[in-house]
Amino acid sequence: MTAEHWQALSRELDRWSNDGRRLRLWLRDDDAIAPSHALDRLCALAERFSAPVLLAVIPMLAEPALAPALRAMPLLRPCQHGVWHRNHAPAGGKKSEFGPDRDAQAMDAEIALGSRRLAELLGPAVLPVFVPPWNRIDPGHAARLPALGFAGLSCFRGYRLGPQGGPRLLNTHVDVMDWQGGRVGRAPADLLGEIAAWLAAARETGTQNAELGLLLHHRDHDETVWSFLAELLNAAAHPAVNLADPGLLLAPPAPTRSRT
């Protein structure tokens, strides 16, 4: 069954190529705090396929040893992942570190504290992208991120900025993990079906240039995930696909137009 799903993805990419469409595939990995075997595997995967990864680092939990490790891993591009990765949502609410109930001034000071810690630890390698834990941040808080030095905000799927705007959105679209099913890797057939369906929907709306973000969590990956990622990145050698550098995605998106 999985072979059929790989073939379906290949056929969809062929359609993109034949129509002159281009896909920018990019990777984001969350919850980095320390060197580990899993981080080494992520780095090896990035190097094998020349695939830069936006690495979301938790500022106040990051260990000093992470700094020399990342200096040897230039394809892992660090950015700020919240501050403490603490849940401040009211009881019964969805987890969030930056929900609407939090005081704006106090929260801005906290984010600035995390930024200073990352700058002290990792220096100029840190990209000006903010990744809120659990992919949630109140739009009112998001609107103030540019004033705090952030050019990008990365959440998940349908997150939208509010009327006050905010930084460039770099949403991810597909999560490789099954969090409800035991924190295990999702079945490759399900992932491939989701990616192919996303591509088909974008093509049918006339999109010429699209960005598809894949969400990773190296500390939780099982062998199913690692194997899938290697196969997917190998398939990304297709002429319709460009493995994009997250730093370059901070530029305004290329205009899209419908084919007539």
C-alpha atoms as a PDB file:
ATOM      1  CA  MET A   1       0.000   0.000   0.000  1.00  0.00           C
ATOM      2  CA  THR A   2       2.783   2.434   0.855  1.00  0.00           C
ATOM      3  CA  ALA A   3       4.408   1.881  -2.557  1.00  0.00           C
ATOM      4  CA  GLU A   4       1.151   2.994  -4.156  1.00  0.00           C
ATOM      5  CA  HIS A   5       1.196   6.163  -2.053  1.00  0.00           C
ATOM      6  CA  TRP A   6       4.765   6.969  -3.117  1.00  0.00           C
ATOM      7  CA  GLN A   7       3.707   6.495  -6.741  1.00  0.00           C
ATOM      8  CA  ALA A   8       0.706   8.785  -6.216  1.00  0.00           C
ATOM      9  CA  LEU A   9       2.991  11.482  -4.789  1.00  0.00           C
ATOM     10  CA  SER A  10       5.367  11.086  -7.727  1.00  0.00           C
ATOM     11  CA  ARG A  11       2.513  11.462 -10.204  1.00  0.00           C
ATOM     12  CA  GLU A  12       1.302  14.614  -8.467  1.00  0.00           C
ATOM     13  CA  LEU A  13       4.799  16.092  -8.560  1.00  0.00           C
ATOM     14  CA  ASP A  14       4.986  15.228 -12.261  1.00  0.00           C
ATOM     15  CA  ARG A  15       1.829  17.263 -12.789  1.00  0.00           C
ATOM     16  CA  TRP A  16       3.431  20.183 -10.992  1.00  0.00           C
ATOM     17  CA  SER A  17       6.550  19.917 -13.111  1.00  0.00           C
ATOM     18  CA  ASN A  18       4.628  19.613 -16.370  1.00  0.00           C
ATOM     19  CA  ASP A  19       2.610  22.735 -15.490  1.00  0.00           C
ATOM     20  CA  GLY A  20       5.709  24.728 -14.578  1.00  0.00           C
ATOM     21  CA  ARG A  21       4.735  24.843 -10.902  1.00  0.00           C
ATOM     22  CA  ARG A  22       7.333  24.823  -8.145  1.00  0.00           C
ATOM     23  CA  LEU A  23       7.190  23.627  -4.549  1.00  0.00           C
ATOM     24  CA  ARG A  24       9.458  24.950  -1.814  1.00  0.00           C
ATOM     25  CA  LEU A  25       9.625  22.158   0.766  1.00  0.00           C
ATOM     26  CA  TRP A  26      11.055  23.171   4.117  1.00  0.00           C
ATOM     27  CA  LEU A  27      11.583  21.590   7.521  1.00  0.00           C
ATOM     28  CA  ARG A  28      10.999  22.799  11.067  1.00  0.00           C
ATOM     29  CA  ASP A  29      12.064  20.828  14.126  1.00  0.00           C
ATOM     30  CA  ASP A  30      10.881  21.747  17.634  1.00  0.00           C
ATOM     31  CA  ASP A  31      11.989  21.504  21.276  1.00  0.00           C
ATOM     32  CA  ALA A  32      15.773  21.528  20.917  1.00  0.00           C
ATOM     33  CA  ILE A  33      17.568  21.991  24.246  1.00  0.00           C
ATOM     34  CA  ALA A  34      20.747  19.883  24.233  1.00  0.00           C
ATOM     35  CA  PRO A  35      23.073  17.714  22.137  1.00  0.00           C
ATOM     36  CA  SER A  36      21.779  14.180  21.732  1.00  0.00           C
ATOM     37  CA  HIS A  37      21.908  11.159  19.483  1.00  0.00           C
ATOM     38  CA  ALA A  38      18.595  12.277  17.978  1.00  0.00           C
ATOM     39  CA  LEU A  39      20.007  15.724  17.182  1.00  0.00           C
ATOM     40  CA  ASP A  40      22.997  14.048  15.545  1.00  0.00           C
ATOM     41  CA  ARG A  41      20.608  11.998  13.398  1.00  0.00           C
ATOM     42  CA  LEU A  42      18.726  15.125  12.385  1.00  0.00           C
ATOM     43  CA  CYS A  43      21.991  16.787  11.405  1.00  0.00           C
ATOM     44  CA  ALA A  44      23.110  13.724   9.426  1.00  0.00           C
ATOM     45  CA  LEU A  45      19.790  13.710   7.557  1.00  0.00           C
ATOM     46  CA  ALA A  46      20.104  17.423   6.764  1.00  0.00           C
ATOM     47  CA  GLU A  47      23.653  16.965   5.488  1.00  0.00           C
ATOM     48  CA  ARG A  48      22.825  13.879   3.442  1.00  0.00           C
ATOM     49  CA  PHE A  49      20.155  15.739   1.484  1.00  0.00           C
ATOM     50  CA  SER A  50      21.480  19.323   1.782  1.00  0.00           C
ATOM     51  CA  ALA A  51      18.242  20.176   3.573  1.00  0.00           C
ATOM     52  CA  PRO A  52      18.418  23.122   6.009  1.00  0.00           C
ATOM     53  CA  VAL A  53      16.215  22.781   9.091  1.00  0.00           C
ATOM     54  CA  LEU A  54      14.627  25.550  11.152  1.00  0.00           C
ATOM     55  CA  LEU A  55      15.539  24.359  14.658  1.00  0.00           C
ATOM     56  CA  ALA A  56      13.246  25.781  17.343  1.00  0.00           C
ATOM     57  CA  VAL A  57      15.293  26.087  20.549  1.00  0.00           C
ATOM     58  CA  ILE A  58      13.668  26.627  23.974  1.00  0.00           C
ATOM     59  CA  PRO A  59      15.708  29.573  25.302  1.00  0.00           C
ATOM     60  CA  MET A  60      15.522  29.128  29.062  1.00  0.00           C
ATOM     61  CA  LEU A  61      15.915  25.341  28.914  1.00  0.00           C
ATOM     62  CA  ALA A  62      18.767  25.273  26.394  1.00  0.00           C
ATOM     63  CA  GLU A  63      21.973  23.805  27.803  1.00  0.00           C
ATOM     64  CA  PRO A  64      25.357  25.501  27.240  1.00  0.00           C
ATOM     65  CA  ALA A  65      26.609  22.395  25.416  1.00  0.00           C
ATOM     66  CA  LEU A  66      24.104  23.077  22.638  1.00  0.00           C
ATOM     67  CA  ALA A  67      26.178  26.029  21.399  1.00  0.00           C
ATOM     68  CA  PRO A  68      29.329  24.140  20.333  1.00  0.00           C
ATOM     69  CA  ALA A  69      27.192  21.308  18.985  1.00  0.00           C
ATOM     70  CA  LEU A  70      25.258  23.624  16.649  1.00  0.00           C
ATOM     71  CA  ARG A  71      28.411  25.357  15.470  1.00  0.00           C
ATOM     72  CA  ALA A  72      29.322  22.003  13.952  1.00  0.00           C
ATOM     73  CA  MET A  73      25.821  21.633  12.447  1.00  0.00           C
ATOM     74  CA  PRO A  74      25.411  24.647  10.126  1.00  0.00           C
ATOM     75  CA  LEU A  75      22.350  23.220   8.362  1.00  0.00           C
ATOM     76  CA  LEU A  76      20.406  23.302  11.643  1.00  0.00           C
ATOM     77  CA  ARG A  77      19.273  26.937  11.732  1.00  0.00           C
ATOM     78  CA  PRO A  78      18.272  27.897  15.292  1.00  0.00           C
ATOM     79  CA  CYS A  79      15.404  30.192  16.194  1.00  0.00           C
ATOM     80  CA  GLN A  80      13.393  30.986  19.337  1.00  0.00           C
ATOM     81  CA  HIS A  81      10.816  28.478  20.594  1.00  0.00           C
ATOM     82  CA  GLY A  82       8.816  30.367  23.180  1.00  0.00           C
ATOM     83  CA  VAL A  83      10.628  31.138  26.426  1.00  0.00           C
ATOM     84  CA  TRP A  84      10.156  28.410  29.035  1.00  0.00           C
ATOM     85  CA  HIS A  85       7.700  26.207  27.072  1.00  0.00           C
ATOM     86  CA  ARG A  86       5.247  26.563  29.957  1.00  0.00           C
ATOM     87  CA  ASN A  87       1.492  26.271  29.699  1.00  0.00           C
ATOM     88  CA  HIS A  88      -0.305  29.400  30.919  1.00  0.00           C
ATOM     89  CA  ALA A  89      -3.765  28.490  29.621  1.00  0.00           C
ATOM     90  CA  PRO A  90      -6.668  28.400  32.085  1.00  0.00           C
ATOM     91  CA  ALA A  91      -7.758  24.985  33.322  1.00  0.00           C
ATOM     92  CA  GLY A  92      -9.460  23.079  30.533  1.00  0.00           C
ATOM     93  CA  GLY A  93      -8.092  25.338  27.793  1.00  0.00           C
ATOM     94  CA  LYS A  94      -5.752  24.327  25.008  1.00  0.00           C
ATOM     95  CA  LYS A  95      -2.120  24.577  26.012  1.00  0.00           C
ATOM     96  CA  SER A  96      -0.500  27.918  25.245  1.00  0.00           C
ATOM     97  CA  GLU A  97       2.413  29.957  26.528  1.00  0.00           C
ATOM     98  CA  PHE A  98       1.134  33.175  24.930  1.00  0.00           C
ATOM     99  CA  GLY A  99      -2.631  33.194  25.219  1.00  0.00           C
ATOM    100  CA  PRO A 100      -4.974  36.220  25.229  1.00  0.00           C
ATOM    101  CA  ASP A 101      -5.260  36.235  29.025  1.00  0.00           C
ATOM    102  CA  ARG A 102      -1.589  37.147  29.565  1.00  0.00           C
ATOM    103  CA  ASP A 103      -0.474  40.729  30.211  1.00  0.00           C
ATOM    104  CA  ALA A 104       1.129  42.175  27.083  1.00  0.00           C
ATOM    105  CA  GLN A 105       3.923  44.071  28.807  1.00  0.00           C
ATOM    106  CA  ALA A 106       4.930  41.143  30.992  1.00  0.00           C
ATOM    107  CA  MET A 107       4.838  38.747  28.066  1.00  0.00           C
ATOM    108  CA  ASP A 108       6.923  41.018  25.838  1.00  0.00           C
ATOM    109  CA  ALA A 109       9.520  41.282  28.596  1.00  0.00           C
ATOM    110  CA  GLU A 110       9.582  37.508  28.887  1.00  0.00           C
ATOM    111  CA  ILE A 111      10.068  37.020  25.138  1.00  0.00           C
ATOM    112  CA  ALA A 112      12.850  39.609  25.172  1.00  0.00           C
ATOM    113  CA  LEU A 113      14.510  37.718  28.018  1.00  0.00           C
ATOM    114  CA  GLY A 114      14.438  34.536  25.953  1.00  0.00           C
ATOM    115  CA  SER A 115      15.860  36.374  22.955  1.00  0.00           C
ATOM    116  CA  ARG A 116      18.781  37.681  24.981  1.00  0.00           C
ATOM    117  CA  ARG A 117      19.502  34.217  26.337  1.00  0.00           C
ATOM    118  CA  LEU A 118      19.563  32.710  22.836  1.00  0.00           C
ATOM    119  CA  ALA A 119      21.768  35.529  21.529  1.00  0.00           C
ATOM    120  CA  GLU A 120      24.219  35.007  24.387  1.00  0.00           C
ATOM    121  CA  LEU A 121      24.233  31.250  23.823  1.00  0.00           C
ATOM    122  CA  LEU A 122      24.149  30.929  20.024  1.00  0.00           C
ATOM    123  CA  GLY A 123      25.164  34.350  18.746  1.00  0.00           C
ATOM    124  CA  PRO A 124      24.325  35.604  15.239  1.00  0.00           C
ATOM    125  CA  ALA A 125      23.310  32.129  14.014  1.00  0.00           C
ATOM    126  CA  VAL A 126      19.834  32.663  15.504  1.00  0.00           C
ATOM    127  CA  LEU A 127      17.230  33.423  12.844  1.00  0.00           C
ATOM    128  CA  PRO A 128      14.653  36.133  13.701  1.00  0.00           C
ATOM    129  CA  VAL A 129      11.768  33.641  13.683  1.00  0.00           C
ATOM    130  CA  PHE A 130       9.448  33.048  16.636  1.00  0.00           C
ATOM    131  CA  VAL A 131       7.913  29.594  17.134  1.00  0.00           C
ATOM    132  CA  PRO A 132       5.285  29.537  19.901  1.00  0.00           C
ATOM    133  CA  PRO A 133       4.973  26.284  21.856  1.00  0.00           C
ATOM    134  CA  TRP A 134       1.985  24.209  20.775  1.00  0.00           C
ATOM    135  CA  ASN A 135       1.832  26.496  17.700  1.00  0.00           C
ATOM    136  CA  ARG A 136      -0.428  28.922  19.552  1.00  0.00           C
ATOM    137  CA  ILE A 137      -0.092  32.655  20.125  1.00  0.00           C
ATOM    138  CA  ASP A 138      -2.841  35.226  20.471  1.00  0.00           C
ATOM    139  CA  PRO A 139      -2.943  37.420  17.322  1.00  0.00           C
ATOM    140  CA  GLY A 140      -2.715  40.526  19.489  1.00  0.00           C
ATOM    141  CA  HIS A 141       0.566  39.296  20.932  1.00  0.00           C
ATOM    142  CA  ALA A 142       1.782  38.201  17.482  1.00  0.00           C
ATOM    143  CA  ALA A 143       1.262  41.742  16.187  1.00  0.00           C
ATOM    144  CA  ARG A 144       3.977  43.017  18.548  1.00  0.00           C
ATOM    145  CA  LEU A 145       6.621  40.481  17.504  1.00  0.00           C
ATOM    146  CA  PRO A 146       8.230  42.749  14.846  1.00  0.00           C
ATOM    147  CA  ALA A 147       8.882  45.355  17.542  1.00  0.00           C
ATOM    148  CA  LEU A 148      10.672  42.605  19.489  1.00  0.00           C
ATOM    149  CA  GLY A 149      12.963  41.889  16.553  1.00  0.00           C
ATOM    150  CA  PHE A 150      11.187  39.033  14.800  1.00  0.00           C
ATOM    151  CA  ALA A 151      10.799  38.954  11.024  1.00  0.00           C
ATOM    152  CA  GLY A 152       8.953  35.624  10.974  1.00  0.00           C
ATOM    153  CA  LEU A 153       6.344  33.658  12.941  1.00  0.00           C
ATOM    154  CA  SER A 154       5.946  29.928  12.461  1.00  0.00           C
ATOM    155  CA  CYS A 155       2.797  28.160  13.644  1.00  0.00           C
ATOM    156  CA  PHE A 156       0.766  25.322  12.107  1.00  0.00           C
ATOM    157  CA  ARG A 157      -1.684  25.044   9.227  1.00  0.00           C
ATOM    158  CA  GLY A 158      -4.520  27.525   9.500  1.00  0.00           C
ATOM    159  CA  TYR A 159      -2.998  30.033  11.902  1.00  0.00           C
ATOM    160  CA  ARG A 160      -3.705  33.579  10.724  1.00  0.00           C
ATOM    161  CA  LEU A 161      -2.595  36.992  11.902  1.00  0.00           C
ATOM    162  CA  GLY A 162      -5.189  39.397  13.242  1.00  0.00           C
ATOM    163  CA  PRO A 163      -6.139  42.822  11.864  1.00  0.00           C
ATOM    164  CA  GLN A 164      -3.060  44.362  13.517  1.00  0.00           C
ATOM    165  CA  GLY A 165      -0.805  42.217  11.357  1.00  0.00           C
ATOM    166  CA  GLY A 166       2.539  40.846  12.425  1.00  0.00           C
ATOM    167  CA  PRO A 167       5.675  39.227  10.996  1.00  0.00           C
ATOM    168  CA  ARG A 168       5.907  37.043   7.895  1.00  0.00           C
ATOM    169  CA  LEU A 169       3.994  33.802   8.503  1.00  0.00           C
ATOM    170  CA  LEU A 170       5.955  30.575   7.950  1.00  0.00           C
ATOM    171  CA  ASN A 171       3.313  28.039   8.893  1.00  0.00           C
ATOM    172  CA  THR A 172       4.038  24.334   8.779  1.00  0.00           C
ATOM    173  CA  HIS A 173       1.411  22.039   7.268  1.00  0.00           C
ATOM    174  CA  VAL A 174       2.174  18.388   8.008  1.00  0.00           C
ATOM    175  CA  ASP A 175       3.211  16.952  11.403  1.00  0.00           C
ATOM    176  CA  VAL A 176       5.056  13.633  11.214  1.00  0.00           C
ATOM    177  CA  MET A 177       4.062  12.680  14.769  1.00  0.00           C
ATOM    178  CA  ASP A 178       0.874  11.020  16.061  1.00  0.00           C
ATOM    179  CA  TRP A 179       0.578  12.717  19.458  1.00  0.00           C
ATOM    180  CA  GLN A 180      -2.807  11.252  20.341  1.00  0.00           C
ATOM    181  CA  GLY A 181      -1.860   7.728  19.347  1.00  0.00           C
ATOM    182  CA  GLY A 182       1.057   7.369  21.741  1.00  0.00           C
ATOM    183  CA  ARG A 183       3.662   9.930  20.593  1.00  0.00           C
ATOM    184  CA  VAL A 184       4.717   7.709  17.698  1.00  0.00           C
ATOM    185  CA  GLY A 185       5.459   8.352  14.063  1.00  0.00           C
ATOM    186  CA  ARG A 186       2.454   8.577  11.777  1.00  0.00           C
ATOM    187  CA  ALA A 187       1.963   5.858   9.205  1.00  0.00           C
ATOM    188  CA  PRO A 188       3.847   6.733   5.986  1.00  0.00           C
ATOM    189  CA  ALA A 189       0.748   6.029   3.910  1.00  0.00           C
ATOM    190  CA  ASP A 190      -1.210   8.632   5.894  1.00  0.00           C
ATOM    191  CA  LEU A 191       1.560  11.216   5.572  1.00  0.00           C
ATOM    192  CA  LEU A 192       1.951  10.638   1.845  1.00  0.00           C
ATOM    193  CA  GLY A 193      -1.781  10.853   1.316  1.00  0.00           C
ATOM    194  CA  GLU A 194      -1.919  14.138   3.206  1.00  0.00           C
ATOM    195  CA  ILE A 195       0.988  15.642   1.282  1.00  0.00           C
ATOM    196  CA  ALA A 196      -0.379  14.531  -2.103  1.00  0.00           C
ATOM    197  CA  ALA A 197      -3.830  15.899  -1.242  1.00  0.00           C
ATOM    198  CA  TRP A 198      -2.298  19.241  -0.192  1.00  0.00           C
ATOM    199  CA  LEU A 199      -0.393  19.455  -3.467  1.00  0.00           C
ATOM    200  CA  ALA A 200      -3.453  18.570  -5.518  1.00  0.00           C
ATOM    201  CA  ALA A 201      -5.555  21.200  -3.734  1.00  0.00           C
ATOM    202  CA  ALA A 202      -2.891  23.864  -4.328  1.00  0.00           C
ATOM    203  CA  ARG A 203      -2.633  22.888  -7.999  1.00  0.00           C
ATOM    204  CA  GLU A 204      -6.385  22.971  -8.479  1.00  0.00           C
ATOM    205  CA  THR A 205      -6.547  26.526  -7.118  1.00  0.00           C
ATOM    206  CA  GLY A 206      -4.008  27.604  -9.737  1.00  0.00           C
ATOM    207  CA  THR A 207      -1.047  28.071  -7.393  1.00  0.00           C
ATOM    208  CA  GLN A 208       2.243  28.369  -9.277  1.00  0.00           C
ATOM    209  CA  ASN A 209       4.646  28.637  -6.344  1.00  0.00           C
ATOM    210  CA  ALA A 210       3.889  27.078  -2.970  1.00  0.00           C
ATOM    211  CA  GLU A 211       5.642  26.515   0.348  1.00  0.00           C
ATOM    212  CA  LEU A 212       5.007  23.294   2.252  1.00  0.00           C
ATOM    213  CA  GLY A 213       6.369  23.071   5.799  1.00  0.00           C
ATOM    214  CA  LEU A 214       7.031  19.714   7.441  1.00  0.00           C
ATOM    215  CA  LEU A 215       6.956  19.706  11.258  1.00  0.00           C
ATOM    216  CA  LEU A 216       9.465  17.454  13.067  1.00  0.00           C
ATOM    217  CA  HIS A 217      10.298  16.696  16.723  1.00  0.00           C
ATOM    218  CA  HIS A 218      13.684  14.964  16.741  1.00  0.00           C
ATOM    219  CA  ARG A 219      13.491  14.056  20.434  1.00  0.00           C
ATOM    220  CA  ASP A 220      10.340  11.999  19.808  1.00  0.00           C
ATOM    221  CA  HIS A 221      11.086  10.387  16.450  1.00  0.00           C
ATOM    222  CA  ASP A 222      10.901   6.627  16.159  1.00  0.00           C
ATOM    223  CA  GLU A 223      12.348   4.539  13.349  1.00  0.00           C
ATOM    224  CA  THR A 224       9.149   4.953  11.346  1.00  0.00           C
ATOM    225  CA  VAL A 225       9.696   8.721  11.223  1.00  0.00           C
ATOM    226  CA  TRP A 226      13.416   8.585  10.467  1.00  0.00           C
ATOM    227  CA  SER A 227      12.857   6.129   7.621  1.00  0.00           C
ATOM    228  CA  PHE A 228       9.992   8.170   6.180  1.00  0.00           C
ATOM    229  CA  LEU A 229      12.003  11.399   6.255  1.00  0.00           C
ATOM    230  CA  ALA A 230      14.898   9.811   4.401  1.00  0.00           C
ATOM    231  CA  GLU A 231      12.572   8.502   1.692  1.00  0.00           C
ATOM    232  CA  LEU A 232      10.692  11.795   1.393  1.00  0.00           C
ATOM    233  CA  LEU A 233      13.849  13.868   1.083  1.00  0.00           C
ATOM    234  CA  ASN A 234      15.121  11.442  -1.519  1.00  0.00           C
ATOM    235  CA  ALA A 235      11.856  11.939  -3.438  1.00  0.00           C
ATOM    236  CA  ALA A 236      12.387  15.709  -3.119  1.00  0.00           C
ATOM    237  CA  ALA A 237      15.072  15.419  -5.794  1.00  0.00           C
ATOM    238  CA  HIS A 238      12.124  15.757  -8.200  1.00  0.00           C
ATOM    239  CA  PRO A 239      12.499  18.786 -10.535  1.00  0.00           C
ATOM    240  CA  ALA A 240       9.308  20.345  -9.168  1.00  0.00           C
ATOM    241  CA  VAL A 241      10.756  20.548  -5.640  1.00  0.00           C
ATOM    242  CA  ASN A 242      13.256  22.866  -4.010  1.00  0.00           C
ATOM    243  CA  LEU A 243      14.453  22.133  -0.469  1.00  0.00           C
ATOM    244  CA  ALA A 244      14.243  25.662   0.882  1.00  0.00           C
ATOM    245  CA  ASP A 245      16.462  27.369   3.421  1.00  0.00           C
ATOM    246  CA  PRO A 246      14.181  28.662   6.207  1.00  0.00           C
ATOM    247  CA  GLY A 247      16.191  31.891   6.370  1.00  0.00           C
ATOM    248  CA  LEU A 248      15.403  32.641   2.740  1.00  0.00           C
ATOM    249  CA  LEU A 249      11.690  32.144   3.392  1.00  0.00           C
ATOM    250  CA  LEU A 250      11.681  35.348   5.417  1.00  0.00           C
ATOM    251  CA  ALA A 251      11.594  37.309   2.181  1.00  0.00           C
ATOM    252  CA  PRO A 252       8.097  38.201   0.933  1.00  0.00           C
ATOM    253  CA  PRO A 253       6.488  35.212  -0.835  1.00  0.00           C
ATOM    254  CA  ALA A 254       6.698  35.080  -4.581  1.00  0.00           C
ATOM    255  CA  PRO A 255       3.497  36.254  -6.259  1.00  0.00           C
ATOM    256  CA  THR A 256       1.198  33.500  -7.425  1.00  0.00           C
ATOM    257  CA  ARG A 257      -1.100  33.563 -10.394  1.00  0.00           C
ATOM    258  CA  SER A 258      -3.722  31.297 -11.787  1.00  0.00           C
ATOM    259  CA  ARG A 259      -3.178  29.596 -15.088  1.00  0.00           C
ATOM    260  CA  THR A 260      -5.882  30.260 -17.626  1.00  0.00           C
END
